[in-house]
Amino acid sequence: MSTLTFIGNDSGFGEKNNSAYFEKDNELFIIDCGSTVFYEIKNKFDFNIYKSINVIITHLHNDHAGSLSQFILYMWFVFKKKVNVICNCIHIKEYLDITGTPPESYVIKDKLDNLKFIKTEHTDFLDSYGFIMDINNKKILYTGDTANLNSFRSYLNNINELYIDLSKFGGAHIKVDDVLDILKDLKDKNIQVIPMHMDDKEYITKLIKRL
C-alpha cells in the first residue's frame, strides 16, 4: 500500500486533476489543488479535526493550483482556519493576490523540515518542482510535472516510493516507454513505482504491471 492516497491522477485535460494527500500528527497535507480538486475534497474530510491544513503546490498550472484560492477561502470563512501553502514557486504570492485570496487567510512557506523541493524541467513558462519527503518512516520521491528524470537521478536509489509523472506521448511529461528500464530496475530493488498524471491510464498501467 502506498503512502499517498490519490484524489485524482489524470493528466491536465482529464476529469480529476492530479492530487494526493496524507495525514500525519493530526495534520492534513494535500499535494496540489487543481481546478477539480476543491469539489473532490470539500466533503471528503472533516476539516475540524486537524490542527493544521497544509497544501503543497508543485507549480501554478490550473490543473495543479486552479482551486487553491477557493479552498483557502472555504477554510477561512467556513472553518476559521488558515491554510499553510508550501510552495517554492516565485509567483505564488502574486497568484494568490490576483485570485482575490485575503493575505490573512494563509501562510506561505517555501520549505518544511522533512521536505526538499527539486526543480524540474517541465515548461519554459513557469517554474515547477517535485520533492523528496519523509512520511511515516517512508522516503518518497514525488516528481510533480516533469519532462524527464534528470533532476531526480541522484535520489532514485535512496527512496521507498516513486510517484512519477508518466505520459504515453511525452513532450512536457515523461514518455513512459523511455523510462521502462529505469522503472524496472527500481522495482527490482523493491522501490514502489506509482504512476500519476496519466494521459492514457490503460496503456501506462499495463506497461507498469509488466515490469
N, C-alpha and C. Protein backbone atom coordinates (compact mmCIF):
# COMPACT_ATOMS: atom_id res chain seq x y z
N MET A 1 0.85 -1.20 0.00
CA MET A 1 0.00 0.00 0.00
C MET A 1 0.88 1.24 0.00
N SER A 2 0.57 2.20 -0.86
CA SER A 2 1.40 3.39 -0.97
C SER A 2 1.07 4.39 0.15
N THR A 3 2.01 5.27 0.42
CA THR A 3 1.87 6.25 1.49
C THR A 3 0.84 7.32 1.15
N LEU A 4 0.84 7.76 -0.09
CA LEU A 4 -0.09 8.80 -0.53
C LEU A 4 -1.38 8.18 -1.07
N THR A 5 -2.48 8.87 -0.83
CA THR A 5 -3.77 8.48 -1.40
C THR A 5 -4.14 9.51 -2.46
N PHE A 6 -4.48 9.04 -3.66
CA PHE A 6 -4.77 9.97 -4.74
C PHE A 6 -6.21 10.46 -4.68
N ILE A 7 -6.37 11.75 -4.88
CA ILE A 7 -7.67 12.36 -5.08
C ILE A 7 -8.03 12.27 -6.56
N GLY A 8 -7.03 12.36 -7.39
CA GLY A 8 -7.16 12.19 -8.83
C GLY A 8 -5.77 11.98 -9.40
N ASN A 9 -5.68 11.29 -10.54
CA ASN A 9 -4.36 11.09 -11.15
C ASN A 9 -4.40 11.23 -12.66
N ASP A 10 -5.33 12.06 -13.13
CA ASP A 10 -5.43 12.31 -14.56
C ASP A 10 -4.44 13.40 -15.00
N SER A 11 -4.16 13.40 -16.29
CA SER A 11 -3.36 14.47 -16.86
C SER A 11 -4.17 15.76 -16.87
N GLY A 12 -3.56 16.84 -17.37
CA GLY A 12 -4.17 18.15 -17.29
C GLY A 12 -5.54 18.28 -17.94
N PHE A 13 -5.82 17.45 -18.94
CA PHE A 13 -7.10 17.53 -19.64
C PHE A 13 -8.08 16.45 -19.19
N GLY A 14 -7.73 15.74 -18.11
CA GLY A 14 -8.60 14.68 -17.60
C GLY A 14 -9.68 15.21 -16.68
N GLU A 15 -10.51 14.31 -16.16
CA GLU A 15 -11.65 14.70 -15.35
C GLU A 15 -11.27 14.99 -13.90
N LYS A 16 -10.24 14.33 -13.38
CA LYS A 16 -9.83 14.54 -11.99
C LYS A 16 -8.35 14.90 -11.97
N ASN A 17 -8.07 16.17 -11.68
CA ASN A 17 -6.69 16.66 -11.69
C ASN A 17 -5.81 15.89 -10.72
N ASN A 18 -4.54 15.80 -11.08
CA ASN A 18 -3.59 15.04 -10.27
C ASN A 18 -3.41 15.69 -8.90
N SER A 19 -3.75 14.95 -7.86
CA SER A 19 -3.64 15.44 -6.49
C SER A 19 -3.65 14.26 -5.54
N ALA A 20 -2.97 14.41 -4.42
CA ALA A 20 -2.91 13.33 -3.44
C ALA A 20 -2.90 13.94 -2.04
N TYR A 21 -3.03 13.08 -1.03
CA TYR A 21 -2.99 13.60 0.35
C TYR A 21 -2.41 12.54 1.28
N PHE A 22 -2.00 13.02 2.44
CA PHE A 22 -1.63 12.13 3.54
C PHE A 22 -1.91 12.86 4.85
N GLU A 23 -2.02 12.10 5.92
CA GLU A 23 -2.25 12.65 7.25
C GLU A 23 -1.08 12.27 8.15
N LYS A 24 -0.66 13.22 8.97
CA LYS A 24 0.47 12.97 9.86
C LYS A 24 0.36 13.87 11.09
N ASP A 25 0.42 13.26 12.26
CA ASP A 25 0.40 14.02 13.52
C ASP A 25 -0.76 15.00 13.58
N ASN A 26 -1.93 14.52 13.21
CA ASN A 26 -3.15 15.33 13.26
C ASN A 26 -3.12 16.53 12.31
N GLU A 27 -2.30 16.41 11.26
CA GLU A 27 -2.26 17.42 10.21
C GLU A 27 -2.68 16.78 8.89
N LEU A 28 -3.32 17.58 8.04
CA LEU A 28 -3.69 17.14 6.71
C LEU A 28 -2.78 17.83 5.70
N PHE A 29 -2.22 17.02 4.80
CA PHE A 29 -1.37 17.53 3.73
C PHE A 29 -1.99 17.15 2.39
N ILE A 30 -2.30 18.15 1.59
CA ILE A 30 -2.83 17.93 0.25
C ILE A 30 -1.76 18.36 -0.74
N ILE A 31 -1.50 17.52 -1.73
CA ILE A 31 -0.49 17.82 -2.73
C ILE A 31 -1.20 18.28 -4.00
N ASP A 32 -1.06 19.55 -4.30
CA ASP A 32 -1.67 20.23 -5.44
C ASP A 32 -3.18 20.35 -5.29
N CYS A 33 -3.69 21.46 -5.83
CA CYS A 33 -5.11 21.78 -5.66
C CYS A 33 -5.63 22.35 -6.98
N GLY A 34 -5.70 21.48 -7.98
CA GLY A 34 -6.13 21.88 -9.31
C GLY A 34 -7.61 22.22 -9.38
N SER A 35 -8.03 22.58 -10.58
CA SER A 35 -9.38 23.10 -10.78
C SER A 35 -10.48 22.17 -10.28
N THR A 36 -10.28 20.85 -10.38
CA THR A 36 -11.32 19.90 -9.97
C THR A 36 -11.20 19.48 -8.51
N VAL A 37 -10.12 19.85 -7.85
CA VAL A 37 -9.80 19.26 -6.55
C VAL A 37 -10.71 19.75 -5.43
N PHE A 38 -11.04 21.04 -5.42
CA PHE A 38 -11.88 21.55 -4.34
C PHE A 38 -13.17 20.75 -4.19
N TYR A 39 -13.82 20.44 -5.31
CA TYR A 39 -15.08 19.72 -5.25
C TYR A 39 -14.90 18.26 -4.85
N GLU A 40 -13.69 17.73 -5.06
CA GLU A 40 -13.40 16.36 -4.64
C GLU A 40 -13.17 16.29 -3.13
N ILE A 41 -12.60 17.35 -2.54
CA ILE A 41 -12.21 17.27 -1.13
C ILE A 41 -13.19 17.98 -0.19
N LYS A 42 -14.07 18.80 -0.74
CA LYS A 42 -14.96 19.61 0.10
C LYS A 42 -15.71 18.76 1.12
N ASN A 43 -16.23 17.63 0.68
CA ASN A 43 -17.00 16.76 1.57
C ASN A 43 -16.27 15.47 1.94
N LYS A 44 -15.01 15.40 1.59
CA LYS A 44 -14.24 14.18 1.84
C LYS A 44 -13.68 14.14 3.27
N PHE A 45 -13.36 15.33 3.81
CA PHE A 45 -12.69 15.40 5.09
C PHE A 45 -13.54 16.16 6.11
N ASP A 46 -13.34 15.80 7.39
CA ASP A 46 -13.84 16.62 8.48
C ASP A 46 -12.70 17.56 8.87
N PHE A 47 -12.71 18.74 8.31
CA PHE A 47 -11.60 19.66 8.50
C PHE A 47 -11.48 20.15 9.94
N ASN A 48 -12.51 19.97 10.73
CA ASN A 48 -12.45 20.41 12.13
C ASN A 48 -11.45 19.60 12.95
N ILE A 49 -11.15 18.38 12.55
CA ILE A 49 -10.33 17.51 13.39
C ILE A 49 -8.84 17.78 13.25
N TYR A 50 -8.43 18.55 12.26
CA TYR A 50 -7.00 18.75 12.01
C TYR A 50 -6.50 20.02 12.69
N LYS A 51 -5.33 19.89 13.31
CA LYS A 51 -4.74 21.08 13.94
C LYS A 51 -4.15 22.03 12.90
N SER A 52 -3.83 21.50 11.71
CA SER A 52 -3.39 22.38 10.63
C SER A 52 -3.71 21.76 9.28
N ILE A 53 -3.95 22.63 8.30
CA ILE A 53 -4.25 22.24 6.93
C ILE A 53 -3.11 22.75 6.06
N ASN A 54 -2.49 21.85 5.30
CA ASN A 54 -1.32 22.20 4.50
C ASN A 54 -1.55 21.80 3.05
N VAL A 55 -1.18 22.68 2.13
CA VAL A 55 -1.26 22.36 0.71
C VAL A 55 0.12 22.56 0.09
N ILE A 56 0.67 21.49 -0.45
CA ILE A 56 1.94 21.56 -1.17
C ILE A 56 1.62 21.82 -2.64
N ILE A 57 2.15 22.90 -3.18
CA ILE A 57 1.90 23.25 -4.58
C ILE A 57 3.19 23.07 -5.38
N THR A 58 3.11 22.24 -6.42
CA THR A 58 4.32 21.96 -7.21
C THR A 58 4.55 23.00 -8.30
N HIS A 59 3.46 23.54 -8.86
CA HIS A 59 3.57 24.61 -9.85
C HIS A 59 2.19 25.19 -10.10
N LEU A 60 2.13 26.25 -10.90
CA LEU A 60 0.91 27.05 -10.97
C LEU A 60 0.06 26.84 -12.22
N HIS A 61 0.25 25.73 -12.92
CA HIS A 61 -0.71 25.38 -13.96
C HIS A 61 -2.08 25.16 -13.30
N ASN A 62 -3.15 25.45 -14.06
CA ASN A 62 -4.50 25.35 -13.49
C ASN A 62 -4.84 23.98 -12.94
N ASP A 63 -4.30 22.92 -13.55
CA ASP A 63 -4.63 21.59 -13.06
C ASP A 63 -3.87 21.23 -11.79
N HIS A 64 -3.07 22.18 -11.30
CA HIS A 64 -2.35 21.95 -10.04
C HIS A 64 -2.63 23.02 -8.99
N ALA A 65 -3.12 24.16 -9.42
CA ALA A 65 -3.39 25.24 -8.45
C ALA A 65 -4.70 25.96 -8.73
N GLY A 66 -5.51 25.46 -9.65
CA GLY A 66 -6.69 26.17 -10.11
C GLY A 66 -7.78 26.39 -9.09
N SER A 67 -7.86 25.57 -8.03
CA SER A 67 -8.88 25.82 -7.00
C SER A 67 -8.22 26.08 -5.63
N LEU A 68 -6.94 26.46 -5.65
CA LEU A 68 -6.24 26.74 -4.39
C LEU A 68 -6.88 27.90 -3.65
N SER A 69 -7.15 29.00 -4.36
CA SER A 69 -7.76 30.15 -3.71
C SER A 69 -9.14 29.80 -3.16
N GLN A 70 -9.90 29.04 -3.92
CA GLN A 70 -11.25 28.63 -3.48
C GLN A 70 -11.17 27.81 -2.20
N PHE A 71 -10.21 26.91 -2.14
CA PHE A 71 -10.05 26.07 -0.95
C PHE A 71 -9.64 26.92 0.26
N ILE A 72 -8.70 27.84 0.05
CA ILE A 72 -8.27 28.70 1.15
C ILE A 72 -9.43 29.52 1.67
N LEU A 73 -10.23 30.10 0.76
CA LEU A 73 -11.39 30.89 1.17
C LEU A 73 -12.39 30.03 1.96
N TYR A 74 -12.59 28.81 1.51
CA TYR A 74 -13.50 27.89 2.19
C TYR A 74 -13.01 27.59 3.61
N MET A 75 -11.74 27.32 3.75
CA MET A 75 -11.17 27.06 5.08
C MET A 75 -11.30 28.28 5.98
N TRP A 76 -11.08 29.46 5.41
CA TRP A 76 -11.05 30.68 6.20
C TRP A 76 -12.46 31.11 6.64
N PHE A 77 -13.39 31.13 5.72
CA PHE A 77 -14.72 31.65 6.04
C PHE A 77 -15.65 30.63 6.68
N VAL A 78 -15.45 29.35 6.36
CA VAL A 78 -16.34 28.32 6.92
C VAL A 78 -15.75 27.70 8.18
N PHE A 79 -14.45 27.44 8.20
CA PHE A 79 -13.83 26.74 9.32
C PHE A 79 -12.92 27.62 10.18
N LYS A 80 -12.76 28.89 9.77
CA LYS A 80 -11.91 29.83 10.53
C LYS A 80 -10.48 29.31 10.68
N LYS A 81 -9.99 28.65 9.63
CA LYS A 81 -8.64 28.10 9.66
C LYS A 81 -7.78 28.72 8.56
N LYS A 82 -6.54 29.03 8.90
CA LYS A 82 -5.57 29.42 7.89
C LYS A 82 -5.01 28.18 7.22
N VAL A 83 -4.68 28.31 5.95
CA VAL A 83 -4.04 27.23 5.21
C VAL A 83 -2.56 27.55 5.07
N ASN A 84 -1.73 26.57 5.36
CA ASN A 84 -0.30 26.68 5.08
C ASN A 84 -0.06 26.26 3.63
N VAL A 85 0.43 27.19 2.82
CA VAL A 85 0.73 26.89 1.42
C VAL A 85 2.24 26.67 1.33
N ILE A 86 2.62 25.43 1.07
CA ILE A 86 4.04 25.07 0.98
C ILE A 86 4.41 25.07 -0.49
N CYS A 87 5.21 26.05 -0.90
CA CYS A 87 5.45 26.24 -2.32
C CYS A 87 6.73 27.02 -2.53
N ASN A 88 7.47 26.65 -3.55
CA ASN A 88 8.71 27.34 -3.89
C ASN A 88 8.57 28.17 -5.17
N CYS A 89 7.37 28.25 -5.74
CA CYS A 89 7.16 28.97 -6.99
C CYS A 89 7.30 30.47 -6.78
N ILE A 90 8.00 31.12 -7.67
CA ILE A 90 8.33 32.53 -7.46
C ILE A 90 7.10 33.44 -7.54
N HIS A 91 6.04 32.98 -8.18
CA HIS A 91 4.86 33.83 -8.34
C HIS A 91 3.69 33.41 -7.46
N ILE A 92 3.92 32.60 -6.43
CA ILE A 92 2.81 32.09 -5.63
C ILE A 92 2.05 33.22 -4.93
N LYS A 93 2.74 34.19 -4.38
CA LYS A 93 2.05 35.30 -3.70
C LYS A 93 1.24 36.12 -4.71
N GLU A 94 1.83 36.41 -5.85
CA GLU A 94 1.11 37.14 -6.90
C GLU A 94 -0.12 36.36 -7.36
N TYR A 95 0.03 35.06 -7.49
CA TYR A 95 -1.09 34.20 -7.91
C TYR A 95 -2.24 34.29 -6.92
N LEU A 96 -1.94 34.21 -5.64
CA LEU A 96 -2.99 34.29 -4.63
C LEU A 96 -3.60 35.69 -4.57
N ASP A 97 -2.79 36.71 -4.80
CA ASP A 97 -3.31 38.08 -4.81
C ASP A 97 -4.30 38.29 -5.95
N ILE A 98 -3.94 37.87 -7.15
CA ILE A 98 -4.79 38.15 -8.30
C ILE A 98 -6.04 37.28 -8.32
N THR A 99 -6.04 36.21 -7.52
CA THR A 99 -7.26 35.40 -7.40
C THR A 99 -8.09 35.82 -6.18
N GLY A 100 -7.72 36.96 -5.58
CA GLY A 100 -8.54 37.54 -4.52
C GLY A 100 -8.50 36.83 -3.20
N THR A 101 -7.35 36.26 -2.85
CA THR A 101 -7.21 35.50 -1.61
C THR A 101 -6.72 36.43 -0.50
N PRO A 102 -7.50 36.67 0.54
CA PRO A 102 -7.07 37.58 1.61
C PRO A 102 -5.76 37.10 2.25
N PRO A 103 -4.79 37.98 2.40
CA PRO A 103 -3.48 37.56 2.94
C PRO A 103 -3.56 36.99 4.35
N GLU A 104 -4.58 37.36 5.10
CA GLU A 104 -4.71 36.84 6.46
C GLU A 104 -5.23 35.41 6.50
N SER A 105 -5.64 34.86 5.33
CA SER A 105 -6.24 33.54 5.30
C SER A 105 -5.25 32.41 5.03
N TYR A 106 -3.99 32.74 4.83
CA TYR A 106 -2.99 31.71 4.51
C TYR A 106 -1.61 32.16 4.96
N VAL A 107 -0.72 31.19 5.02
CA VAL A 107 0.70 31.45 5.28
C VAL A 107 1.48 30.72 4.20
N ILE A 108 2.39 31.41 3.54
CA ILE A 108 3.24 30.77 2.54
C ILE A 108 4.54 30.32 3.20
N LYS A 109 4.90 29.06 2.96
CA LYS A 109 6.17 28.52 3.45
C LYS A 109 6.91 27.93 2.26
N ASP A 110 8.18 28.26 2.13
CA ASP A 110 8.94 27.73 1.00
C ASP A 110 9.72 26.47 1.35
N LYS A 111 9.52 25.96 2.57
CA LYS A 111 10.20 24.72 2.96
C LYS A 111 9.51 24.13 4.18
N LEU A 112 9.75 22.85 4.38
CA LEU A 112 9.38 22.14 5.60
C LEU A 112 10.61 21.38 6.07
N ASP A 113 10.63 21.03 7.34
CA ASP A 113 11.81 20.34 7.89
C ASP A 113 12.11 19.03 7.18
N ASN A 114 11.07 18.30 6.80
CA ASN A 114 11.27 16.97 6.22
C ASN A 114 10.99 16.92 4.72
N LEU A 115 10.94 18.09 4.07
CA LEU A 115 10.66 18.17 2.64
C LEU A 115 11.75 18.97 1.93
N LYS A 116 12.17 18.47 0.78
CA LYS A 116 13.13 19.21 -0.05
C LYS A 116 12.56 19.33 -1.46
N PHE A 117 12.35 20.57 -1.91
CA PHE A 117 11.88 20.80 -3.27
C PHE A 117 13.01 20.55 -4.28
N ILE A 118 12.63 20.01 -5.45
CA ILE A 118 13.58 19.72 -6.52
C ILE A 118 13.03 20.33 -7.80
N LYS A 119 13.76 21.27 -8.40
CA LYS A 119 13.28 21.95 -9.60
C LYS A 119 13.26 20.98 -10.78
N THR A 120 12.19 21.02 -11.56
CA THR A 120 12.03 20.10 -12.67
C THR A 120 12.13 20.82 -14.00
N GLU A 121 12.28 20.05 -15.07
CA GLU A 121 12.28 20.57 -16.43
C GLU A 121 10.91 20.24 -17.05
N HIS A 122 9.98 21.15 -16.85
CA HIS A 122 8.60 20.90 -17.29
C HIS A 122 8.18 21.83 -18.42
N THR A 123 8.29 23.11 -18.21
CA THR A 123 7.88 24.09 -19.20
C THR A 123 8.72 25.36 -19.06
N ASP A 124 8.88 26.08 -20.14
CA ASP A 124 9.64 27.33 -20.11
C ASP A 124 8.83 28.48 -19.53
N PHE A 125 7.54 28.29 -19.33
CA PHE A 125 6.66 29.40 -18.99
C PHE A 125 6.47 29.60 -17.50
N LEU A 126 6.85 28.64 -16.68
CA LEU A 126 6.77 28.81 -15.23
C LEU A 126 7.71 27.82 -14.55
N ASP A 127 8.01 28.07 -13.29
CA ASP A 127 8.89 27.17 -12.56
C ASP A 127 8.07 26.06 -11.92
N SER A 128 8.62 24.84 -11.98
CA SER A 128 7.93 23.65 -11.50
C SER A 128 8.85 22.85 -10.59
N TYR A 129 8.26 22.14 -9.63
CA TYR A 129 9.04 21.42 -8.64
C TYR A 129 8.44 20.05 -8.33
N GLY A 130 9.33 19.12 -8.06
CA GLY A 130 8.97 17.90 -7.38
C GLY A 130 9.52 18.01 -5.98
N PHE A 131 9.50 16.92 -5.23
CA PHE A 131 10.08 16.98 -3.89
C PHE A 131 10.40 15.58 -3.39
N ILE A 132 11.28 15.56 -2.40
CA ILE A 132 11.56 14.33 -1.67
C ILE A 132 11.17 14.60 -0.22
N MET A 133 10.56 13.60 0.42
CA MET A 133 9.97 13.85 1.74
C MET A 133 9.92 12.56 2.54
N ASP A 134 10.14 12.67 3.83
CA ASP A 134 9.96 11.55 4.75
C ASP A 134 8.56 11.61 5.32
N ILE A 135 7.80 10.55 5.12
CA ILE A 135 6.43 10.50 5.61
C ILE A 135 6.21 9.15 6.29
N ASN A 136 5.92 9.18 7.58
CA ASN A 136 5.59 7.96 8.31
C ASN A 136 6.61 6.85 8.07
N ASN A 137 7.88 7.20 8.23
CA ASN A 137 9.00 6.27 8.09
C ASN A 137 9.22 5.77 6.67
N LYS A 138 8.68 6.46 5.69
CA LYS A 138 8.92 6.15 4.29
C LYS A 138 9.52 7.37 3.61
N LYS A 139 10.49 7.15 2.75
CA LYS A 139 11.06 8.23 1.97
C LYS A 139 10.43 8.18 0.58
N ILE A 140 9.71 9.24 0.25
CA ILE A 140 9.02 9.25 -1.04
C ILE A 140 9.63 10.32 -1.94
N LEU A 141 9.63 10.01 -3.22
CA LEU A 141 10.06 10.97 -4.24
C LEU A 141 8.86 11.23 -5.14
N TYR A 142 8.48 12.49 -5.24
CA TYR A 142 7.30 12.91 -5.99
C TYR A 142 7.78 13.85 -7.08
N THR A 143 7.65 13.42 -8.34
CA THR A 143 8.28 14.19 -9.42
C THR A 143 7.54 15.47 -9.76
N GLY A 144 6.25 15.58 -9.39
CA GLY A 144 5.47 16.66 -9.97
C GLY A 144 5.46 16.51 -11.48
N ASP A 145 5.15 17.56 -12.20
CA ASP A 145 5.18 17.50 -13.67
C ASP A 145 6.61 17.73 -14.14
N THR A 146 7.10 16.82 -14.97
CA THR A 146 8.48 16.93 -15.45
C THR A 146 8.61 16.21 -16.78
N ALA A 147 9.47 16.73 -17.63
CA ALA A 147 9.68 16.12 -18.95
C ALA A 147 10.67 14.98 -18.90
N ASN A 148 11.43 14.87 -17.81
CA ASN A 148 12.45 13.82 -17.70
C ASN A 148 12.80 13.60 -16.24
N LEU A 149 13.69 12.65 -16.01
CA LEU A 149 14.12 12.32 -14.65
C LEU A 149 15.47 12.93 -14.29
N ASN A 150 15.97 13.83 -15.09
CA ASN A 150 17.32 14.36 -14.89
C ASN A 150 17.52 14.94 -13.48
N SER A 151 16.56 15.66 -12.98
CA SER A 151 16.70 16.32 -11.68
C SER A 151 16.63 15.34 -10.51
N PHE A 152 16.17 14.12 -10.78
CA PHE A 152 15.88 13.18 -9.70
C PHE A 152 16.84 11.99 -9.62
N ARG A 153 17.72 11.88 -10.58
CA ARG A 153 18.54 10.66 -10.68
C ARG A 153 19.36 10.38 -9.43
N SER A 154 19.88 11.40 -8.79
CA SER A 154 20.73 11.19 -7.61
C SER A 154 19.94 10.70 -6.40
N TYR A 155 18.61 10.77 -6.47
CA TYR A 155 17.78 10.37 -5.33
C TYR A 155 17.15 8.98 -5.51
N LEU A 156 17.17 8.46 -6.72
CA LEU A 156 16.33 7.31 -7.06
C LEU A 156 16.62 6.06 -6.23
N ASN A 157 17.86 5.84 -5.87
CA ASN A 157 18.20 4.59 -5.17
C ASN A 157 18.10 4.70 -3.67
N ASN A 158 17.64 5.84 -3.19
CA ASN A 158 17.57 6.07 -1.76
C ASN A 158 16.16 6.32 -1.26
N ILE A 159 15.19 5.74 -1.93
CA ILE A 159 13.78 6.01 -1.62
C ILE A 159 13.02 4.71 -1.44
N ASN A 160 11.83 4.82 -0.88
CA ASN A 160 10.92 3.68 -0.76
C ASN A 160 9.83 3.69 -1.83
N GLU A 161 9.41 4.91 -2.23
CA GLU A 161 8.32 5.04 -3.20
C GLU A 161 8.63 6.15 -4.19
N LEU A 162 8.33 5.89 -5.45
CA LEU A 162 8.47 6.89 -6.51
C LEU A 162 7.11 7.18 -7.11
N TYR A 163 6.66 8.42 -6.98
CA TYR A 163 5.44 8.88 -7.62
C TYR A 163 5.87 9.65 -8.86
N ILE A 164 5.56 9.11 -10.05
CA ILE A 164 6.18 9.60 -11.26
C ILE A 164 5.16 10.01 -12.32
N ASP A 165 5.34 11.20 -12.85
CA ASP A 165 4.56 11.75 -13.96
C ASP A 165 4.86 10.93 -15.22
N LEU A 166 3.84 10.27 -15.77
CA LEU A 166 4.06 9.43 -16.95
C LEU A 166 3.04 9.73 -18.04
N SER A 167 3.53 9.78 -19.26
CA SER A 167 2.70 10.10 -20.41
C SER A 167 2.91 9.07 -21.51
N LYS A 168 1.89 8.80 -22.28
CA LYS A 168 2.04 7.94 -23.45
C LYS A 168 2.78 8.68 -24.56
N PHE A 169 2.63 9.99 -24.60
CA PHE A 169 3.10 10.75 -25.76
C PHE A 169 4.34 11.59 -25.49
N GLY A 170 4.68 11.87 -24.22
CA GLY A 170 5.88 12.64 -23.91
C GLY A 170 5.66 14.13 -24.05
N GLY A 171 6.69 14.85 -24.45
CA GLY A 171 6.61 16.30 -24.53
C GLY A 171 7.01 16.93 -23.21
N ALA A 172 6.09 17.63 -22.56
CA ALA A 172 6.36 18.27 -21.27
C ALA A 172 6.29 17.29 -20.10
N HIS A 173 5.98 16.03 -20.41
CA HIS A 173 5.88 14.99 -19.40
C HIS A 173 6.71 13.79 -19.83
N ILE A 174 7.07 12.94 -18.88
CA ILE A 174 7.94 11.80 -19.16
C ILE A 174 7.22 10.79 -20.06
N LYS A 175 7.81 10.46 -21.16
CA LYS A 175 7.26 9.42 -22.02
C LYS A 175 7.57 8.07 -21.39
N VAL A 176 6.53 7.32 -21.08
CA VAL A 176 6.68 6.11 -20.29
C VAL A 176 7.62 5.10 -20.96
N ASP A 177 7.56 4.97 -22.27
CA ASP A 177 8.41 4.00 -22.96
C ASP A 177 9.90 4.30 -22.81
N ASP A 178 10.22 5.58 -22.55
CA ASP A 178 11.62 5.98 -22.44
C ASP A 178 12.25 5.63 -21.09
N VAL A 179 11.43 5.31 -20.09
CA VAL A 179 11.98 5.08 -18.75
C VAL A 179 11.66 3.69 -18.21
N LEU A 180 11.19 2.79 -19.05
CA LEU A 180 10.80 1.47 -18.57
C LEU A 180 11.96 0.71 -17.93
N ASP A 181 13.14 0.81 -18.52
CA ASP A 181 14.31 0.12 -17.95
C ASP A 181 14.63 0.66 -16.56
N ILE A 182 14.55 1.96 -16.40
CA ILE A 182 14.83 2.58 -15.09
C ILE A 182 13.79 2.13 -14.08
N LEU A 183 12.55 2.13 -14.47
CA LEU A 183 11.48 1.74 -13.54
C LEU A 183 11.56 0.27 -13.16
N LYS A 184 11.94 -0.57 -14.11
CA LYS A 184 12.12 -1.99 -13.81
C LYS A 184 13.24 -2.19 -12.80
N ASP A 185 14.32 -1.46 -12.99
CA ASP A 185 15.45 -1.56 -12.05
C ASP A 185 15.02 -1.14 -10.65
N LEU A 186 14.23 -0.10 -10.55
CA LEU A 186 13.76 0.35 -9.25
C LEU A 186 12.85 -0.69 -8.61
N LYS A 187 11.95 -1.26 -9.38
CA LYS A 187 11.05 -2.28 -8.84
C LYS A 187 11.83 -3.52 -8.40
N ASP A 188 12.89 -3.85 -9.13
CA ASP A 188 13.74 -4.98 -8.74
C ASP A 188 14.44 -4.71 -7.42
N LYS A 189 14.58 -3.44 -7.06
CA LYS A 189 15.19 -3.05 -5.78
C LYS A 189 14.13 -2.83 -4.71
N ASN A 190 12.92 -3.27 -4.98
CA ASN A 190 11.79 -3.17 -4.04
C ASN A 190 11.38 -1.73 -3.77
N ILE A 191 11.61 -0.86 -4.74
CA ILE A 191 11.10 0.50 -4.67
C ILE A 191 9.75 0.53 -5.38
N GLN A 192 8.75 0.98 -4.68
CA GLN A 192 7.40 1.00 -5.25
C GLN A 192 7.28 2.14 -6.27
N VAL A 193 6.81 1.82 -7.46
CA VAL A 193 6.64 2.80 -8.53
C VAL A 193 5.15 3.07 -8.73
N ILE A 194 4.76 4.32 -8.52
CA ILE A 194 3.34 4.68 -8.61
C ILE A 194 3.18 5.73 -9.73
N PRO A 195 2.55 5.36 -10.85
CA PRO A 195 2.36 6.32 -11.95
C PRO A 195 1.28 7.34 -11.61
N MET A 196 1.45 8.55 -12.15
CA MET A 196 0.44 9.59 -11.92
C MET A 196 0.41 10.54 -13.13
N HIS A 197 -0.57 11.45 -13.11
CA HIS A 197 -0.74 12.44 -14.18
C HIS A 197 -0.80 11.74 -15.55
N MET A 198 -1.56 10.67 -15.63
CA MET A 198 -1.55 9.81 -16.82
C MET A 198 -2.53 10.30 -17.89
N ASP A 199 -2.04 10.38 -19.13
CA ASP A 199 -2.91 10.77 -20.25
C ASP A 199 -3.56 9.56 -20.92
N ASP A 200 -3.05 8.37 -20.64
CA ASP A 200 -3.66 7.14 -21.14
C ASP A 200 -3.46 6.07 -20.07
N LYS A 201 -4.40 5.99 -19.14
CA LYS A 201 -4.23 5.12 -17.97
C LYS A 201 -4.10 3.66 -18.35
N GLU A 202 -4.89 3.21 -19.29
CA GLU A 202 -4.87 1.80 -19.67
C GLU A 202 -3.49 1.42 -20.22
N TYR A 203 -2.97 2.23 -21.11
CA TYR A 203 -1.67 1.96 -21.72
C TYR A 203 -0.54 1.99 -20.69
N ILE A 204 -0.53 3.02 -19.88
CA ILE A 204 0.56 3.19 -18.89
C ILE A 204 0.49 2.13 -17.81
N THR A 205 -0.71 1.89 -17.27
CA THR A 205 -0.85 0.91 -16.20
C THR A 205 -0.46 -0.48 -16.65
N LYS A 206 -0.79 -0.82 -17.88
CA LYS A 206 -0.43 -2.14 -18.42
C LYS A 206 1.09 -2.29 -18.50
N LEU A 207 1.78 -1.25 -18.93
CA LEU A 207 3.24 -1.32 -19.01
C LEU A 207 3.88 -1.44 -17.63
N ILE A 208 3.37 -0.69 -16.67
CA ILE A 208 3.94 -0.73 -15.33
C ILE A 208 3.72 -2.10 -14.68
N LYS A 209 2.58 -2.72 -14.92
CA LYS A 209 2.30 -4.03 -14.34
C LYS A 209 3.22 -5.10 -14.91
N ARG A 210 3.71 -4.90 -16.10
CA ARG A 210 4.59 -5.88 -16.74
C ARG A 210 6.03 -5.83 -16.25
N LEU A 211 6.38 -4.79 -15.54
CA LEU A 211 7.77 -4.61 -15.09
C LEU A 211 8.20 -5.72 -14.15
